[in-house]
Amino acid sequence: MSTEAKNGLEALLTPEESVLVLIDHQPFQFANLNSHEPTMVVNNAIALAKAAKAFEVPTILTTVLEERGGHLIPGLSDIFPEQTPIDRTFINTWQDQRVVDAVKATGRKKLVIAGLWTEICLAMPAIQAAGEGYHVFAVTDASGGVSAEAHDMAVRRMVQAGVVPITWLAVAGEWQRDWAREETVSAMAGVLEQHGGATGVAFAWETQLLNSRTGA
């Protein structure tokens, strides 16, 4: 099991320690996604990927049987146009050595992971990686299952295995950590405006008010 801290400051994410793996956000998987509104999972997965790029967190994209299951959704592939997703036959991503090697090559031990479906493509690699010494964070709102029960049971099972459930906004917040972190605050604000729902709307409104006061 992972020996990483489970509480205290060291338990929080930092961009320098994180690596992101996005699993099987493909048409076939979305077709039977019933635990969440599919458009919300699309929104959240893209937001998570944009945040990772803004904070220079290494990101690994992977698909399963792409010829039959479909290409990665455009919103994700557009963020990393230089990257060809690792196409697998293994249902469990962590059994594909190419993915494991790509994660190991980063030298990072905090594994942030999201995928479709939660009960299979997220839970299986998350549980295995946690058993191999990684501190695994499962992004539950950028993932989804074939039913609400399937998603919920998978999250419970992962927690029992030492995996930390988290949402995309919490991930981004821990990566930013300090609004004085000027090198990423603009990109972070952009992700919030585009994908943060009511928070994004409010942030855009606040920006408008500040601009009007300064005459910008």
N, C-alpha and C. Protein backbone atom coordinates (compact mmCIF):
# COMPACT_ATOMS: atom_id res chain seq x y z
N MET A 1 0.83 -1.20 0.00
CA MET A 1 0.00 0.00 0.00
C MET A 1 0.87 1.26 0.00
N SER A 2 0.28 2.34 -0.44
CA SER A 2 1.01 3.61 -0.47
C SER A 2 1.39 4.04 0.94
N THR A 3 2.59 4.60 1.08
CA THR A 3 3.04 5.11 2.37
C THR A 3 2.91 6.63 2.43
N GLU A 4 2.25 7.22 1.43
CA GLU A 4 2.09 8.67 1.40
C GLU A 4 1.21 9.13 2.56
N ALA A 5 1.41 10.39 2.97
CA ALA A 5 0.63 10.96 4.06
C ALA A 5 -0.85 10.98 3.71
N LYS A 6 -1.68 10.62 4.68
CA LYS A 6 -3.13 10.62 4.48
C LYS A 6 -3.78 11.88 5.05
N ASN A 7 -3.01 12.66 5.81
CA ASN A 7 -3.52 13.93 6.31
C ASN A 7 -2.36 14.90 6.49
N GLY A 8 -2.70 16.13 6.87
CA GLY A 8 -1.67 17.16 6.95
C GLY A 8 -1.39 17.77 5.58
N LEU A 9 -0.52 18.76 5.57
CA LEU A 9 -0.24 19.49 4.34
C LEU A 9 0.31 18.59 3.24
N GLU A 10 1.10 17.60 3.62
CA GLU A 10 1.72 16.72 2.63
C GLU A 10 0.71 15.84 1.90
N ALA A 11 -0.50 15.74 2.43
CA ALA A 11 -1.52 14.92 1.79
C ALA A 11 -2.18 15.64 0.61
N LEU A 12 -1.98 16.96 0.52
CA LEU A 12 -2.58 17.73 -0.56
C LEU A 12 -1.75 17.63 -1.83
N LEU A 13 -2.40 17.87 -2.95
CA LEU A 13 -1.73 17.80 -4.24
C LEU A 13 -0.89 19.04 -4.52
N THR A 14 0.20 18.83 -5.23
CA THR A 14 0.97 19.93 -5.80
C THR A 14 1.23 19.59 -7.26
N PRO A 15 1.36 20.58 -8.13
CA PRO A 15 1.64 20.29 -9.54
C PRO A 15 2.96 19.53 -9.73
N GLU A 16 3.92 19.84 -8.88
CA GLU A 16 5.26 19.24 -9.03
C GLU A 16 5.29 17.76 -8.72
N GLU A 17 4.32 17.27 -7.95
CA GLU A 17 4.29 15.86 -7.56
C GLU A 17 3.26 15.04 -8.34
N SER A 18 2.41 15.72 -9.12
CA SER A 18 1.27 15.05 -9.73
C SER A 18 1.53 14.56 -11.15
N VAL A 19 0.83 13.49 -11.51
CA VAL A 19 0.75 13.02 -12.89
C VAL A 19 -0.72 12.65 -13.13
N LEU A 20 -1.24 13.03 -14.28
CA LEU A 20 -2.66 12.80 -14.59
C LEU A 20 -2.79 11.72 -15.66
N VAL A 21 -3.71 10.78 -15.42
CA VAL A 21 -4.05 9.76 -16.41
C VAL A 21 -5.54 9.86 -16.70
N LEU A 22 -5.89 10.04 -17.97
CA LEU A 22 -7.29 10.12 -18.40
C LEU A 22 -7.60 8.88 -19.23
N ILE A 23 -8.63 8.15 -18.81
CA ILE A 23 -8.89 6.82 -19.35
C ILE A 23 -10.24 6.75 -20.05
N ASP A 24 -10.22 6.45 -21.32
CA ASP A 24 -11.38 5.98 -22.09
C ASP A 24 -12.57 6.95 -22.13
N HIS A 25 -12.30 8.22 -22.29
CA HIS A 25 -13.38 9.18 -22.53
C HIS A 25 -13.73 9.10 -24.02
N GLN A 26 -14.42 8.02 -24.38
CA GLN A 26 -14.72 7.67 -25.77
C GLN A 26 -16.23 7.52 -25.97
N PRO A 27 -16.71 7.62 -27.22
CA PRO A 27 -18.14 7.54 -27.48
C PRO A 27 -18.81 6.29 -26.94
N PHE A 28 -18.18 5.13 -27.10
CA PHE A 28 -18.81 3.90 -26.61
C PHE A 28 -19.05 3.95 -25.12
N GLN A 29 -18.10 4.50 -24.37
CA GLN A 29 -18.23 4.56 -22.92
C GLN A 29 -19.33 5.56 -22.53
N PHE A 30 -19.39 6.68 -23.25
CA PHE A 30 -20.42 7.67 -22.95
C PHE A 30 -21.82 7.16 -23.25
N ALA A 31 -21.93 6.23 -24.18
CA ALA A 31 -23.24 5.74 -24.60
C ALA A 31 -24.01 5.07 -23.46
N ASN A 32 -23.29 4.50 -22.50
CA ASN A 32 -23.96 3.85 -21.38
C ASN A 32 -23.58 4.50 -20.05
N LEU A 33 -23.32 5.79 -20.10
CA LEU A 33 -23.02 6.55 -18.88
C LEU A 33 -24.33 7.06 -18.29
N ASN A 34 -24.68 6.56 -17.12
CA ASN A 34 -25.97 6.90 -16.51
C ASN A 34 -25.87 7.42 -15.09
N SER A 35 -24.66 7.47 -14.54
CA SER A 35 -24.51 7.97 -13.17
C SER A 35 -24.51 9.49 -13.12
N HIS A 36 -24.14 10.13 -14.23
CA HIS A 36 -24.05 11.58 -14.32
C HIS A 36 -24.65 12.02 -15.65
N GLU A 37 -24.97 13.29 -15.74
CA GLU A 37 -25.30 13.87 -17.03
C GLU A 37 -24.03 13.86 -17.88
N PRO A 38 -24.04 13.19 -19.04
CA PRO A 38 -22.81 13.07 -19.83
C PRO A 38 -22.13 14.40 -20.15
N THR A 39 -22.91 15.44 -20.42
CA THR A 39 -22.28 16.72 -20.75
C THR A 39 -21.48 17.27 -19.58
N MET A 40 -21.89 16.95 -18.35
CA MET A 40 -21.14 17.40 -17.19
C MET A 40 -19.81 16.67 -17.07
N VAL A 41 -19.80 15.37 -17.38
CA VAL A 41 -18.55 14.62 -17.34
C VAL A 41 -17.60 15.14 -18.41
N VAL A 42 -18.14 15.44 -19.60
CA VAL A 42 -17.32 16.04 -20.65
C VAL A 42 -16.72 17.35 -20.17
N ASN A 43 -17.56 18.20 -19.62
CA ASN A 43 -17.10 19.50 -19.11
C ASN A 43 -16.00 19.32 -18.07
N ASN A 44 -16.21 18.43 -17.14
CA ASN A 44 -15.28 18.27 -16.02
C ASN A 44 -13.97 17.62 -16.45
N ALA A 45 -14.04 16.66 -17.36
CA ALA A 45 -12.82 16.02 -17.85
C ALA A 45 -11.96 17.02 -18.63
N ILE A 46 -12.61 17.84 -19.44
CA ILE A 46 -11.88 18.85 -20.21
C ILE A 46 -11.29 19.90 -19.27
N ALA A 47 -12.06 20.30 -18.25
CA ALA A 47 -11.55 21.27 -17.27
C ALA A 47 -10.32 20.72 -16.56
N LEU A 48 -10.39 19.45 -16.17
CA LEU A 48 -9.27 18.81 -15.49
C LEU A 48 -8.04 18.78 -16.39
N ALA A 49 -8.23 18.45 -17.66
CA ALA A 49 -7.11 18.40 -18.61
C ALA A 49 -6.52 19.79 -18.83
N LYS A 50 -7.37 20.80 -18.95
CA LYS A 50 -6.87 22.17 -19.13
C LYS A 50 -6.09 22.64 -17.91
N ALA A 51 -6.57 22.28 -16.73
CA ALA A 51 -5.85 22.64 -15.51
C ALA A 51 -4.48 21.97 -15.48
N ALA A 52 -4.45 20.70 -15.86
CA ALA A 52 -3.17 19.98 -15.88
C ALA A 52 -2.19 20.65 -16.84
N LYS A 53 -2.68 21.07 -17.98
CA LYS A 53 -1.79 21.74 -18.93
C LYS A 53 -1.31 23.08 -18.39
N ALA A 54 -2.21 23.80 -17.74
CA ALA A 54 -1.85 25.11 -17.18
C ALA A 54 -0.77 24.98 -16.12
N PHE A 55 -0.84 23.91 -15.33
CA PHE A 55 0.11 23.71 -14.24
C PHE A 55 1.27 22.81 -14.64
N GLU A 56 1.34 22.49 -15.93
CA GLU A 56 2.42 21.67 -16.48
C GLU A 56 2.52 20.32 -15.78
N VAL A 57 1.36 19.74 -15.50
CA VAL A 57 1.29 18.40 -14.92
C VAL A 57 1.33 17.39 -16.07
N PRO A 58 2.27 16.47 -16.08
CA PRO A 58 2.31 15.47 -17.16
C PRO A 58 0.98 14.73 -17.25
N THR A 59 0.47 14.61 -18.48
CA THR A 59 -0.83 14.00 -18.70
C THR A 59 -0.72 12.87 -19.71
N ILE A 60 -1.28 11.72 -19.35
CA ILE A 60 -1.25 10.54 -20.20
C ILE A 60 -2.68 10.22 -20.62
N LEU A 61 -2.88 10.14 -21.92
CA LEU A 61 -4.20 9.82 -22.47
C LEU A 61 -4.20 8.37 -22.92
N THR A 62 -5.30 7.68 -22.66
CA THR A 62 -5.39 6.29 -23.10
C THR A 62 -6.81 5.93 -23.50
N THR A 63 -6.93 5.05 -24.49
CA THR A 63 -8.20 4.56 -24.98
C THR A 63 -8.18 3.03 -24.98
N VAL A 64 -9.37 2.44 -25.13
CA VAL A 64 -9.45 0.99 -25.23
C VAL A 64 -10.15 0.65 -26.55
N LEU A 65 -9.51 -0.21 -27.34
CA LEU A 65 -10.07 -0.66 -28.61
C LEU A 65 -10.66 0.51 -29.41
N GLU A 66 -9.80 1.46 -29.71
CA GLU A 66 -10.23 2.72 -30.33
C GLU A 66 -11.01 2.50 -31.64
N GLU A 67 -10.64 1.51 -32.42
CA GLU A 67 -11.32 1.28 -33.70
C GLU A 67 -12.79 0.96 -33.50
N ARG A 68 -13.13 0.31 -32.39
CA ARG A 68 -14.53 -0.02 -32.12
C ARG A 68 -15.17 0.93 -31.12
N GLY A 69 -14.40 1.40 -30.16
CA GLY A 69 -14.95 2.25 -29.11
C GLY A 69 -14.97 3.73 -29.44
N GLY A 70 -14.26 4.09 -30.52
CA GLY A 70 -14.23 5.49 -30.94
C GLY A 70 -13.02 6.23 -30.43
N HIS A 71 -12.72 7.33 -31.11
CA HIS A 71 -11.60 8.17 -30.72
C HIS A 71 -11.90 8.90 -29.42
N LEU A 72 -10.85 9.33 -28.75
CA LEU A 72 -11.00 10.20 -27.59
C LEU A 72 -11.83 11.42 -27.99
N ILE A 73 -12.68 11.90 -27.08
CA ILE A 73 -13.53 13.04 -27.41
C ILE A 73 -12.66 14.23 -27.82
N PRO A 74 -13.10 15.00 -28.81
CA PRO A 74 -12.28 16.09 -29.35
C PRO A 74 -11.81 17.10 -28.30
N GLY A 75 -12.66 17.41 -27.35
CA GLY A 75 -12.28 18.39 -26.34
C GLY A 75 -11.01 18.05 -25.60
N LEU A 76 -10.76 16.75 -25.41
CA LEU A 76 -9.53 16.32 -24.74
C LEU A 76 -8.36 16.26 -25.71
N SER A 77 -8.58 15.66 -26.86
CA SER A 77 -7.48 15.54 -27.82
C SER A 77 -7.01 16.90 -28.30
N ASP A 78 -7.90 17.89 -28.33
CA ASP A 78 -7.53 19.24 -28.76
C ASP A 78 -6.56 19.90 -27.79
N ILE A 79 -6.63 19.52 -26.52
CA ILE A 79 -5.75 20.12 -25.51
C ILE A 79 -4.32 19.61 -25.66
N PHE A 80 -4.21 18.36 -26.11
CA PHE A 80 -2.90 17.74 -26.28
C PHE A 80 -2.75 17.23 -27.72
N PRO A 81 -2.73 18.14 -28.70
CA PRO A 81 -2.73 17.72 -30.11
C PRO A 81 -1.48 16.94 -30.50
N GLU A 82 -0.41 17.10 -29.73
CA GLU A 82 0.83 16.42 -30.04
C GLU A 82 0.86 14.98 -29.53
N GLN A 83 -0.14 14.62 -28.75
CA GLN A 83 -0.12 13.31 -28.08
C GLN A 83 -1.08 12.32 -28.75
N THR A 84 -0.60 11.13 -29.02
CA THR A 84 -1.44 10.03 -29.50
C THR A 84 -1.80 9.17 -28.30
N PRO A 85 -3.08 9.03 -27.99
CA PRO A 85 -3.45 8.22 -26.84
C PRO A 85 -2.93 6.79 -26.95
N ILE A 86 -2.57 6.22 -25.82
CA ILE A 86 -2.15 4.82 -25.78
C ILE A 86 -3.41 3.96 -25.91
N ASP A 87 -3.49 3.21 -27.00
CA ASP A 87 -4.67 2.39 -27.25
C ASP A 87 -4.42 0.98 -26.72
N ARG A 88 -5.32 0.51 -25.85
CA ARG A 88 -5.10 -0.74 -25.15
C ARG A 88 -6.10 -1.82 -25.57
N THR A 89 -5.73 -3.05 -25.21
CA THR A 89 -6.70 -4.14 -25.20
C THR A 89 -7.04 -4.50 -23.76
N PHE A 90 -6.13 -4.25 -22.83
CA PHE A 90 -6.39 -4.50 -21.42
C PHE A 90 -7.54 -3.62 -20.92
N ILE A 91 -8.48 -4.20 -20.23
CA ILE A 91 -9.52 -3.42 -19.58
C ILE A 91 -8.92 -2.60 -18.44
N ASN A 92 -8.04 -3.24 -17.68
CA ASN A 92 -7.34 -2.58 -16.59
C ASN A 92 -6.12 -1.86 -17.14
N THR A 93 -6.19 -0.54 -17.18
CA THR A 93 -5.12 0.28 -17.74
C THR A 93 -3.76 -0.02 -17.11
N TRP A 94 -3.75 -0.32 -15.82
CA TRP A 94 -2.48 -0.52 -15.12
C TRP A 94 -1.82 -1.85 -15.48
N GLN A 95 -2.50 -2.67 -16.26
CA GLN A 95 -1.87 -3.90 -16.76
C GLN A 95 -1.20 -3.67 -18.11
N ASP A 96 -1.38 -2.49 -18.68
CA ASP A 96 -0.68 -2.16 -19.92
C ASP A 96 0.65 -1.50 -19.54
N GLN A 97 1.73 -2.18 -19.82
CA GLN A 97 3.04 -1.71 -19.37
C GLN A 97 3.42 -0.36 -19.95
N ARG A 98 2.88 -0.03 -21.13
CA ARG A 98 3.19 1.27 -21.73
C ARG A 98 2.68 2.42 -20.87
N VAL A 99 1.49 2.23 -20.30
CA VAL A 99 0.92 3.26 -19.43
C VAL A 99 1.73 3.36 -18.15
N VAL A 100 2.02 2.22 -17.56
CA VAL A 100 2.80 2.20 -16.32
C VAL A 100 4.16 2.84 -16.54
N ASP A 101 4.81 2.50 -17.64
CA ASP A 101 6.13 3.07 -17.94
C ASP A 101 6.05 4.58 -18.14
N ALA A 102 4.97 5.04 -18.78
CA ALA A 102 4.81 6.48 -18.99
C ALA A 102 4.65 7.21 -17.67
N VAL A 103 3.91 6.61 -16.73
CA VAL A 103 3.76 7.21 -15.41
C VAL A 103 5.09 7.19 -14.67
N LYS A 104 5.76 6.05 -14.69
CA LYS A 104 7.05 5.93 -14.00
C LYS A 104 8.07 6.93 -14.53
N ALA A 105 8.03 7.19 -15.83
CA ALA A 105 9.00 8.10 -16.45
C ALA A 105 8.89 9.51 -15.90
N THR A 106 7.74 9.87 -15.37
CA THR A 106 7.58 11.21 -14.79
C THR A 106 8.26 11.33 -13.44
N GLY A 107 8.49 10.21 -12.78
CA GLY A 107 9.09 10.22 -11.46
C GLY A 107 8.16 10.71 -10.37
N ARG A 108 6.87 10.78 -10.66
CA ARG A 108 5.91 11.34 -9.71
C ARG A 108 5.06 10.23 -9.09
N LYS A 109 4.68 10.42 -7.83
CA LYS A 109 3.98 9.36 -7.10
C LYS A 109 2.54 9.72 -6.75
N LYS A 110 2.11 10.96 -7.02
CA LYS A 110 0.71 11.31 -6.78
C LYS A 110 -0.02 11.19 -8.11
N LEU A 111 -0.81 10.14 -8.21
CA LEU A 111 -1.47 9.78 -9.45
C LEU A 111 -2.92 10.27 -9.43
N VAL A 112 -3.22 11.22 -10.29
CA VAL A 112 -4.58 11.74 -10.43
C VAL A 112 -5.19 11.04 -11.63
N ILE A 113 -6.36 10.45 -11.45
CA ILE A 113 -6.89 9.57 -12.47
C ILE A 113 -8.40 9.77 -12.62
N ALA A 114 -8.86 9.75 -13.87
CA ALA A 114 -10.30 9.83 -14.15
C ALA A 114 -10.58 8.95 -15.35
N GLY A 115 -11.77 8.37 -15.40
CA GLY A 115 -12.06 7.50 -16.53
C GLY A 115 -13.49 7.01 -16.57
N LEU A 116 -13.82 6.41 -17.68
CA LEU A 116 -15.12 5.76 -17.90
C LEU A 116 -14.89 4.28 -18.17
N TRP A 117 -15.58 3.45 -17.47
CA TRP A 117 -16.53 3.69 -16.41
C TRP A 117 -15.86 3.59 -15.05
N THR A 118 -16.47 4.22 -14.03
CA THR A 118 -15.88 4.26 -12.70
C THR A 118 -15.64 2.88 -12.14
N GLU A 119 -16.61 1.99 -12.29
CA GLU A 119 -16.55 0.69 -11.65
C GLU A 119 -15.54 -0.27 -12.29
N ILE A 120 -15.07 0.08 -13.48
CA ILE A 120 -14.15 -0.80 -14.18
C ILE A 120 -12.86 -0.06 -14.52
N CYS A 121 -12.97 0.86 -15.46
CA CYS A 121 -11.77 1.49 -16.03
C CYS A 121 -11.10 2.48 -15.09
N LEU A 122 -11.81 2.95 -14.08
CA LEU A 122 -11.20 3.80 -13.06
C LEU A 122 -10.79 2.98 -11.86
N ALA A 123 -11.69 2.15 -11.35
CA ALA A 123 -11.42 1.41 -10.11
C ALA A 123 -10.27 0.43 -10.24
N MET A 124 -10.22 -0.29 -11.34
CA MET A 124 -9.20 -1.33 -11.46
C MET A 124 -7.77 -0.78 -11.41
N PRO A 125 -7.42 0.20 -12.26
CA PRO A 125 -6.06 0.74 -12.18
C PRO A 125 -5.81 1.52 -10.89
N ALA A 126 -6.82 2.20 -10.38
CA ALA A 126 -6.63 2.97 -9.15
C ALA A 126 -6.28 2.06 -7.99
N ILE A 127 -6.99 0.96 -7.86
CA ILE A 127 -6.74 0.02 -6.77
C ILE A 127 -5.38 -0.64 -6.93
N GLN A 128 -5.03 -1.03 -8.16
CA GLN A 128 -3.74 -1.67 -8.37
C GLN A 128 -2.58 -0.71 -8.12
N ALA A 129 -2.69 0.51 -8.65
CA ALA A 129 -1.62 1.49 -8.46
C ALA A 129 -1.44 1.85 -6.99
N ALA A 130 -2.56 1.94 -6.25
CA ALA A 130 -2.47 2.22 -4.81
C ALA A 130 -1.71 1.12 -4.10
N GLY A 131 -1.86 -0.11 -4.57
CA GLY A 131 -1.15 -1.23 -3.98
C GLY A 131 0.31 -1.29 -4.35
N GLU A 132 0.71 -0.48 -5.32
CA GLU A 132 2.10 -0.46 -5.77
C GLU A 132 2.84 0.80 -5.33
N GLY A 133 2.27 1.48 -4.34
CA GLY A 133 2.99 2.59 -3.73
C GLY A 133 2.62 3.98 -4.22
N TYR A 134 1.65 4.09 -5.12
CA TYR A 134 1.22 5.41 -5.58
C TYR A 134 0.15 5.95 -4.65
N HIS A 135 0.14 7.27 -4.48
CA HIS A 135 -0.93 7.95 -3.76
C HIS A 135 -1.94 8.36 -4.82
N VAL A 136 -3.06 7.64 -4.88
CA VAL A 136 -3.99 7.76 -6.00
C VAL A 136 -5.19 8.63 -5.63
N PHE A 137 -5.49 9.58 -6.53
CA PHE A 137 -6.65 10.46 -6.38
C PHE A 137 -7.60 10.18 -7.53
N ALA A 138 -8.81 9.73 -7.23
CA ALA A 138 -9.81 9.42 -8.26
C ALA A 138 -10.74 10.61 -8.42
N VAL A 139 -10.74 11.20 -9.61
CA VAL A 139 -11.56 12.40 -9.84
C VAL A 139 -12.96 11.94 -10.21
N THR A 140 -13.85 11.96 -9.24
CA THR A 140 -15.15 11.30 -9.39
C THR A 140 -16.10 12.02 -10.33
N ASP A 141 -15.98 13.34 -10.44
CA ASP A 141 -16.92 14.05 -11.32
C ASP A 141 -16.41 14.20 -12.75
N ALA A 142 -15.20 13.69 -13.03
CA ALA A 142 -14.71 13.60 -14.40
C ALA A 142 -14.75 12.15 -14.85
N SER A 143 -15.46 11.34 -14.08
CA SER A 143 -15.64 9.92 -14.33
C SER A 143 -17.14 9.62 -14.21
N GLY A 144 -17.52 8.40 -14.54
CA GLY A 144 -18.92 8.03 -14.40
C GLY A 144 -19.12 6.56 -14.68
N GLY A 145 -20.23 6.03 -14.14
CA GLY A 145 -20.52 4.62 -14.29
C GLY A 145 -21.81 4.36 -15.05
N VAL A 146 -22.12 3.08 -15.21
CA VAL A 146 -23.32 2.72 -15.97
C VAL A 146 -24.59 2.98 -15.17
N SER A 147 -24.45 3.20 -13.87
CA SER A 147 -25.58 3.58 -13.02
C SER A 147 -25.04 4.34 -11.83
N ALA A 148 -25.92 5.04 -11.12
CA ALA A 148 -25.50 5.76 -9.92
C ALA A 148 -24.96 4.78 -8.89
N GLU A 149 -25.61 3.61 -8.78
CA GLU A 149 -25.14 2.59 -7.82
C GLU A 149 -23.75 2.09 -8.20
N ALA A 150 -23.52 1.83 -9.48
CA ALA A 150 -22.22 1.33 -9.92
C ALA A 150 -21.11 2.33 -9.59
N HIS A 151 -21.37 3.60 -9.84
CA HIS A 151 -20.40 4.66 -9.54
C HIS A 151 -20.14 4.72 -8.04
N ASP A 152 -21.21 4.72 -7.25
CA ASP A 152 -21.09 4.85 -5.80
C ASP A 152 -20.34 3.66 -5.20
N MET A 153 -20.69 2.44 -5.64
CA MET A 153 -20.02 1.26 -5.10
C MET A 153 -18.54 1.26 -5.47
N ALA A 154 -18.22 1.73 -6.67
CA ALA A 154 -16.82 1.80 -7.09
C ALA A 154 -16.03 2.78 -6.23
N VAL A 155 -16.62 3.94 -5.95
CA VAL A 155 -15.94 4.93 -5.10
C VAL A 155 -15.71 4.35 -3.71
N ARG A 156 -16.72 3.69 -3.17
CA ARG A 156 -16.57 3.08 -1.84
C ARG A 156 -15.46 2.03 -1.84
N ARG A 157 -15.43 1.23 -2.88
CA ARG A 157 -14.41 0.19 -2.97
C ARG A 157 -13.01 0.81 -3.06
N MET A 158 -12.87 1.87 -3.85
CA MET A 158 -11.58 2.52 -3.98
C MET A 158 -11.13 3.13 -2.66
N VAL A 159 -12.05 3.74 -1.94
CA VAL A 159 -11.71 4.33 -0.64
C VAL A 159 -11.18 3.25 0.30
N GLN A 160 -11.83 2.09 0.30
CA GLN A 160 -11.36 0.98 1.14
C GLN A 160 -9.94 0.56 0.77
N ALA A 161 -9.56 0.77 -0.49
CA ALA A 161 -8.23 0.40 -0.96
C ALA A 161 -7.20 1.52 -0.77
N GLY A 162 -7.63 2.64 -0.20
CA GLY A 162 -6.71 3.74 0.08
C GLY A 162 -6.68 4.83 -0.98
N VAL A 163 -7.60 4.76 -1.94
CA VAL A 163 -7.68 5.78 -2.98
C VAL A 163 -8.47 6.98 -2.45
N VAL A 164 -8.05 8.18 -2.81
CA VAL A 164 -8.70 9.41 -2.34
C VAL A 164 -9.69 9.91 -3.39
N PRO A 165 -10.99 9.98 -3.09
CA PRO A 165 -11.94 10.58 -4.03
C PRO A 165 -11.84 12.09 -3.99
N ILE A 166 -11.95 12.73 -5.14
CA ILE A 166 -11.77 14.18 -5.23
C ILE A 166 -12.50 14.66 -6.48
N THR A 167 -12.81 15.94 -6.55
CA THR A 167 -13.44 16.52 -7.73
C THR A 167 -12.43 17.36 -8.50
N TRP A 168 -12.75 17.67 -9.76
CA TRP A 168 -11.79 18.39 -10.59
C TRP A 168 -11.46 19.76 -10.03
N LEU A 169 -12.47 20.43 -9.47
CA LEU A 169 -12.23 21.77 -8.94
C LEU A 169 -11.33 21.72 -7.71
N ALA A 170 -11.48 20.67 -6.90
CA ALA A 170 -10.61 20.50 -5.75
C ALA A 170 -9.17 20.24 -6.20
N VAL A 171 -9.00 19.45 -7.25
CA VAL A 171 -7.67 19.20 -7.80
C VAL A 171 -7.03 20.51 -8.23
N ALA A 172 -7.77 21.29 -9.02
CA ALA A 172 -7.24 22.56 -9.52
C ALA A 172 -6.93 23.52 -8.37
N GLY A 173 -7.79 23.52 -7.36
CA GLY A 173 -7.56 24.40 -6.22
C GLY A 173 -6.30 24.04 -5.45
N GLU A 174 -6.06 22.74 -5.30
CA GLU A 174 -4.85 22.31 -4.60
C GLU A 174 -3.61 22.60 -5.44
N TRP A 175 -3.72 22.48 -6.74
CA TRP A 175 -2.59 22.81 -7.61
C TRP A 175 -2.27 24.30 -7.53
N GLN A 176 -3.30 25.15 -7.53
CA GLN A 176 -3.08 26.60 -7.46
C GLN A 176 -2.59 27.01 -6.08
N ARG A 177 -3.31 26.58 -5.06
CA ARG A 177 -2.97 26.73 -3.64
C ARG A 177 -2.90 28.17 -3.16
N ASP A 178 -2.36 29.07 -3.95
CA ASP A 178 -2.13 30.45 -3.52
C ASP A 178 -2.44 31.38 -4.69
N TRP A 179 -3.36 32.34 -4.48
CA TRP A 179 -3.72 33.25 -5.58
C TRP A 179 -2.55 34.17 -5.92
N ALA A 180 -1.52 34.19 -5.10
CA ALA A 180 -0.31 34.96 -5.43
C ALA A 180 0.60 34.19 -6.39
N ARG A 181 0.21 32.98 -6.74
CA ARG A 181 0.97 32.18 -7.71
C ARG A 181 0.65 32.73 -9.10
N GLU A 182 1.29 33.84 -9.43
CA GLU A 182 0.90 34.63 -10.59
C GLU A 182 1.11 33.91 -11.92
N GLU A 183 2.06 32.98 -11.99
CA GLU A 183 2.36 32.34 -13.26
C GLU A 183 1.22 31.44 -13.76
N THR A 184 0.30 31.06 -12.87
CA THR A 184 -0.81 30.20 -13.29
C THR A 184 -2.18 30.79 -13.02
N VAL A 185 -2.24 31.91 -12.33
CA VAL A 185 -3.55 32.43 -11.93
C VAL A 185 -4.42 32.81 -13.12
N SER A 186 -3.82 33.34 -14.18
CA SER A 186 -4.60 33.72 -15.36
C SER A 186 -5.21 32.50 -16.03
N ALA A 187 -4.40 31.45 -16.19
CA ALA A 187 -4.91 30.22 -16.80
C ALA A 187 -5.98 29.57 -15.93
N MET A 188 -5.75 29.59 -14.62
CA MET A 188 -6.72 29.04 -13.68
C MET A 188 -8.05 29.79 -13.78
N ALA A 189 -7.98 31.10 -13.88
CA ALA A 189 -9.19 31.90 -14.02
C ALA A 189 -9.91 31.56 -15.31
N GLY A 190 -9.17 31.32 -16.38
CA GLY A 190 -9.77 30.96 -17.65
C GLY A 190 -10.50 29.64 -17.58
N VAL A 191 -9.91 28.66 -16.90
CA VAL A 191 -10.57 27.36 -16.74
C VAL A 191 -11.85 27.52 -15.93
N LEU A 192 -11.80 28.32 -14.88
CA LEU A 192 -12.99 28.55 -14.06
C LEU A 192 -14.10 29.22 -14.87
N GLU A 193 -13.74 30.22 -15.66
CA GLU A 193 -14.74 30.93 -16.45
C GLU A 193 -15.40 30.02 -17.46
N GLN A 194 -14.62 29.14 -18.08
CA GLN A 194 -15.15 28.27 -19.13
C GLN A 194 -15.88 27.05 -18.60
N HIS A 195 -15.46 26.55 -17.43
CA HIS A 195 -15.98 25.24 -16.98
C HIS A 195 -16.48 25.22 -15.54
N GLY A 196 -16.40 26.35 -14.85
CA GLY A 196 -16.72 26.36 -13.43
C GLY A 196 -18.16 26.61 -13.08
N GLY A 197 -19.06 26.54 -14.05
CA GLY A 197 -20.48 26.71 -13.75
C GLY A 197 -20.76 28.09 -13.17
N ALA A 198 -21.57 28.11 -12.09
CA ALA A 198 -21.94 29.38 -11.47
C ALA A 198 -20.71 30.13 -10.97
N THR A 199 -19.69 29.39 -10.52
CA THR A 199 -18.46 30.04 -10.08
C THR A 199 -17.81 30.80 -11.22
N GLY A 200 -17.80 30.19 -12.39
CA GLY A 200 -17.24 30.85 -13.56
C GLY A 200 -18.02 32.09 -13.96
N VAL A 201 -19.35 32.00 -13.90
CA VAL A 201 -20.19 33.15 -14.22
C VAL A 201 -19.94 34.29 -13.25
N ALA A 202 -19.87 33.95 -11.96
CA ALA A 202 -19.63 34.97 -10.94
C ALA A 202 -18.25 35.59 -11.10
N PHE A 203 -17.28 34.76 -11.44
CA PHE A 203 -15.92 35.27 -11.62
C PHE A 203 -15.85 36.24 -12.80
N ALA A 204 -16.54 35.89 -13.89
CA ALA A 204 -16.56 36.78 -15.05
C ALA A 204 -17.25 38.10 -14.71
N TRP A 205 -18.30 38.02 -13.90
CA TRP A 205 -19.02 39.22 -13.48
C TRP A 205 -18.11 40.10 -12.62
N GLU A 206 -17.38 39.47 -11.69
CA GLU A 206 -16.47 40.22 -10.83
C GLU A 206 -15.39 40.91 -11.66
N THR A 207 -14.89 40.19 -12.67
CA THR A 207 -13.88 40.77 -13.55
C THR A 207 -14.44 41.98 -14.30
N GLN A 208 -15.68 41.85 -14.75
CA GLN A 208 -16.34 42.97 -15.45
C GLN A 208 -16.46 44.18 -14.54
N LEU A 209 -16.86 43.95 -13.29
CA LEU A 209 -17.00 45.07 -12.34
C LEU A 209 -15.65 45.74 -12.06
N LEU A 210 -14.62 44.91 -11.89
CA LEU A 210 -13.29 45.47 -11.62
C LEU A 210 -12.79 46.29 -12.82
N ASN A 211 -13.05 45.79 -14.03
CA ASN A 211 -12.63 46.50 -15.24
C ASN A 211 -13.36 47.83 -15.38
N SER A 212 -14.65 47.83 -15.02
CA SER A 212 -15.43 49.06 -15.16
C SER A 212 -14.95 50.12 -14.17
N ARG A 213 -14.48 49.70 -13.01
CA ARG A 213 -13.99 50.64 -12.01
C ARG A 213 -12.66 51.25 -12.41
N THR A 214 -11.88 50.45 -13.12
CA THR A 214 -10.56 50.95 -13.54
C THR A 214 -10.60 51.63 -14.89
N GLY A 215 -11.79 51.55 -15.55
CA GLY A 215 -11.92 52.15 -16.86
C GLY A 215 -11.32 51.33 -17.96
N ALA A 216 -11.06 50.03 -17.68
CA ALA A 216 -10.45 49.16 -18.68
C ALA A 216 -11.44 48.79 -19.76
